[in-house]
Amino acid sequence: MKKILVIILVAFVIIQFFPIDKTNAPLNPGMDFLKIKNTKPEIAKLINTSCYDCHSDETKYPWYSSIAPTSWWLKNHVTEGRKHLNFSIFSTYEPERQIHKMEECVEMLEKHEMPLESYYVGHQDAKLTDLQRKELITYFKREIEETKFKIK
């Protein structure tokens, strides 16, 4: 038993030498969702607090992001989140894709699938009330209609 614990401890120490890359891409405010949609401050705060760590190039890595293997798991979530939707480069999406991404936001909010439950562990402020969810859903639906109107 002692030997197994020593092996686990040594393995844990060794994996600390393989840190994640915490570099965020340079920001261009002209491409950011909140800026191009001229989002009201109270809605922008909700989106920023509940979405931007995983779905933008403004990730704020918490202290535990320096400890492997948690850091690897976290980095994977951020990479996957940005792959599905990156608010920092939203203006680069074609209008049809923008509409689709906002429709997905509505769907994820309605199904309570976003933010992820696991995100709340270190980010209690990201937890949305039913009212906040409703406000965001209404906001995204309005933006969908405005975007559809602009492309007609």
Protein backbone atom coordinates (compact mmCIF):
# COMPACT_ATOMS: atom_id res chain seq x y z
CA MET A 1 0.00 0.00 0.00
CA LYS A 2 2.83 2.39 0.85
CA LYS A 3 4.48 1.69 -2.50
CA ILE A 4 1.28 2.55 -4.38
CA LEU A 5 0.91 5.82 -2.49
CA VAL A 6 4.53 6.76 -3.27
CA ILE A 7 3.99 5.97 -6.96
CA ILE A 8 0.81 8.08 -7.02
CA LEU A 9 2.59 10.96 -5.27
CA VAL A 10 5.58 10.80 -7.66
CA ALA A 11 3.23 10.67 -10.66
CA PHE A 12 1.31 13.67 -9.30
CA VAL A 13 4.54 15.66 -8.90
CA ILE A 14 5.75 14.70 -12.40
CA ILE A 15 2.54 15.77 -14.14
CA GLN A 16 2.93 19.24 -12.62
CA PHE A 17 5.77 19.77 -15.13
CA PHE A 18 3.20 19.72 -17.97
CA PRO A 19 1.25 22.97 -17.47
CA ILE A 20 -1.54 24.21 -19.71
CA ASP A 21 -1.21 27.26 -21.93
CA LYS A 22 -3.22 30.04 -20.28
CA THR A 23 -2.59 32.57 -23.01
CA ASN A 24 -5.71 34.26 -24.34
CA ALA A 25 -5.79 35.46 -27.94
CA PRO A 26 -5.42 39.22 -28.38
CA LEU A 27 -8.77 41.00 -28.14
CA ASN A 28 -10.34 43.09 -30.85
CA PRO A 29 -13.32 44.94 -29.32
CA GLY A 30 -14.80 45.44 -32.79
CA MET A 31 -15.34 41.69 -33.07
CA ASP A 32 -16.80 41.11 -29.59
CA PHE A 33 -20.46 40.10 -29.28
CA LEU A 34 -21.28 42.49 -26.42
CA LYS A 35 -19.78 45.43 -28.30
CA ILE A 36 -21.23 44.78 -31.76
CA LYS A 37 -24.68 44.11 -30.30
CA ASN A 38 -24.41 47.21 -28.09
CA THR A 39 -25.60 45.13 -25.15
CA LYS A 40 -27.08 46.90 -22.12
CA PRO A 41 -24.71 46.82 -19.12
CA GLU A 42 -26.93 44.62 -16.91
CA ILE A 43 -27.30 41.97 -19.66
CA ALA A 44 -23.62 42.28 -20.60
CA LYS A 45 -22.68 41.61 -16.96
CA LEU A 46 -24.78 38.42 -16.90
CA ILE A 47 -23.27 37.14 -20.14
CA ASN A 48 -19.76 38.10 -19.10
CA THR A 49 -20.06 36.47 -15.68
CA SER A 50 -21.82 33.28 -16.80
CA CYS A 51 -20.42 32.69 -20.29
CA TYR A 52 -17.18 34.47 -21.10
CA ASP A 53 -14.71 32.29 -19.16
CA CYS A 54 -15.38 29.37 -21.52
CA HIS A 55 -16.86 31.11 -24.56
CA SER A 56 -14.47 34.00 -25.22
CA ASP A 57 -10.81 34.92 -25.34
CA GLU A 58 -11.18 36.58 -21.93
CA THR A 59 -10.78 33.47 -19.79
CA LYS A 60 -9.76 34.17 -16.21
CA TYR A 61 -7.98 31.06 -15.02
CA PRO A 62 -8.55 30.29 -11.31
CA TRP A 63 -5.83 29.13 -8.93
CA TYR A 64 -6.62 25.44 -9.48
CA SER A 65 -5.83 25.82 -13.17
CA SER A 66 -2.19 25.48 -12.15
CA ILE A 67 -2.66 21.99 -10.73
CA ALA A 68 -2.66 19.01 -13.09
CA PRO A 69 -4.74 17.03 -13.92
CA THR A 70 -7.48 19.55 -13.04
CA SER A 71 -5.78 22.08 -15.30
CA TRP A 72 -5.99 19.69 -18.27
CA TRP A 73 -9.70 19.12 -17.68
CA LEU A 74 -10.29 22.88 -17.38
CA LYS A 75 -8.30 23.65 -20.54
CA ASN A 76 -10.30 21.06 -22.44
CA HIS A 77 -13.56 22.72 -21.34
CA VAL A 78 -12.34 26.14 -22.44
CA THR A 79 -11.08 24.80 -25.79
CA GLU A 80 -14.38 23.01 -26.45
CA GLY A 81 -16.39 26.04 -25.31
CA ARG A 82 -14.54 28.38 -27.66
CA LYS A 83 -14.86 25.87 -30.50
CA HIS A 84 -18.66 25.86 -30.16
CA LEU A 85 -19.03 29.61 -29.56
CA ASN A 86 -16.46 32.34 -29.13
CA PHE A 87 -18.06 35.66 -28.23
CA SER A 88 -14.71 37.41 -28.78
CA ILE A 89 -14.80 36.75 -32.52
CA PHE A 90 -18.58 36.83 -33.00
CA SER A 91 -18.48 39.43 -35.78
CA THR A 92 -16.42 37.04 -37.92
CA TYR A 93 -19.37 34.63 -38.08
CA GLU A 94 -21.65 34.91 -41.09
CA PRO A 95 -25.10 36.31 -40.13
CA GLU A 96 -26.74 32.89 -40.52
CA ARG A 97 -24.15 31.38 -38.19
CA GLN A 98 -24.65 34.21 -35.70
CA ILE A 99 -28.38 33.45 -35.68
CA HIS A 100 -27.68 29.75 -35.18
CA LYS A 101 -25.29 30.43 -32.28
CA MET A 102 -27.80 32.70 -30.57
CA GLU A 103 -30.53 30.08 -31.08
CA GLU A 104 -28.22 27.58 -29.38
CA CYS A 105 -27.77 30.05 -26.51
CA VAL A 106 -31.55 30.20 -26.09
CA GLU A 107 -31.81 26.41 -26.18
CA MET A 108 -29.01 25.89 -23.65
CA LEU A 109 -30.52 28.47 -21.31
CA GLU A 110 -34.02 27.02 -21.61
CA LYS A 111 -32.76 23.51 -20.88
CA HIS A 112 -30.56 24.77 -17.99
CA GLU A 113 -27.55 23.18 -19.73
CA MET A 114 -25.46 26.34 -19.54
CA PRO A 115 -23.60 27.36 -17.56
CA LEU A 116 -22.42 23.89 -16.68
CA GLU A 117 -23.15 22.75 -13.14
CA SER A 118 -19.44 22.01 -12.69
CA TYR A 119 -18.66 25.67 -13.41
CA TYR A 120 -20.57 26.76 -10.31
CA VAL A 121 -18.07 25.03 -8.01
CA GLY A 122 -15.62 27.90 -8.30
CA HIS A 123 -17.98 30.51 -9.74
CA GLN A 124 -21.11 30.88 -7.62
CA ASP A 125 -21.68 34.33 -9.14
CA ALA A 126 -22.26 32.64 -12.53
CA LYS A 127 -25.37 30.84 -11.26
CA LEU A 128 -28.41 32.29 -13.00
CA THR A 129 -31.76 32.81 -11.33
CA ASP A 130 -34.90 31.93 -13.28
CA LEU A 131 -35.49 35.64 -13.86
CA GLN A 132 -31.95 36.16 -15.17
CA ARG A 133 -32.36 33.16 -17.48
CA LYS A 134 -35.60 34.61 -18.79
CA GLU A 135 -33.94 38.00 -19.37
CA LEU A 136 -31.12 36.39 -21.33
CA ILE A 137 -33.51 34.27 -23.38
CA THR A 138 -35.56 37.36 -24.24
CA TYR A 139 -32.39 39.26 -25.10
CA PHE A 140 -31.04 36.54 -27.41
CA LYS A 141 -34.42 36.11 -29.13
CA ARG A 142 -34.57 39.84 -29.78
CA GLU A 143 -31.03 39.82 -31.20
CA ILE A 144 -31.94 36.86 -33.43
CA GLU A 145 -34.89 38.80 -34.87
CA GLU A 146 -32.78 41.93 -35.39
CA THR A 147 -30.09 39.93 -37.17
CA LYS A 148 -32.69 38.24 -39.39
CA PHE A 149 -34.16 41.65 -40.22
CA LYS A 150 -30.73 43.02 -41.21
CA ILE A 151 -30.01 40.22 -43.67
CA LYS A 152 -33.35 40.55 -45.51
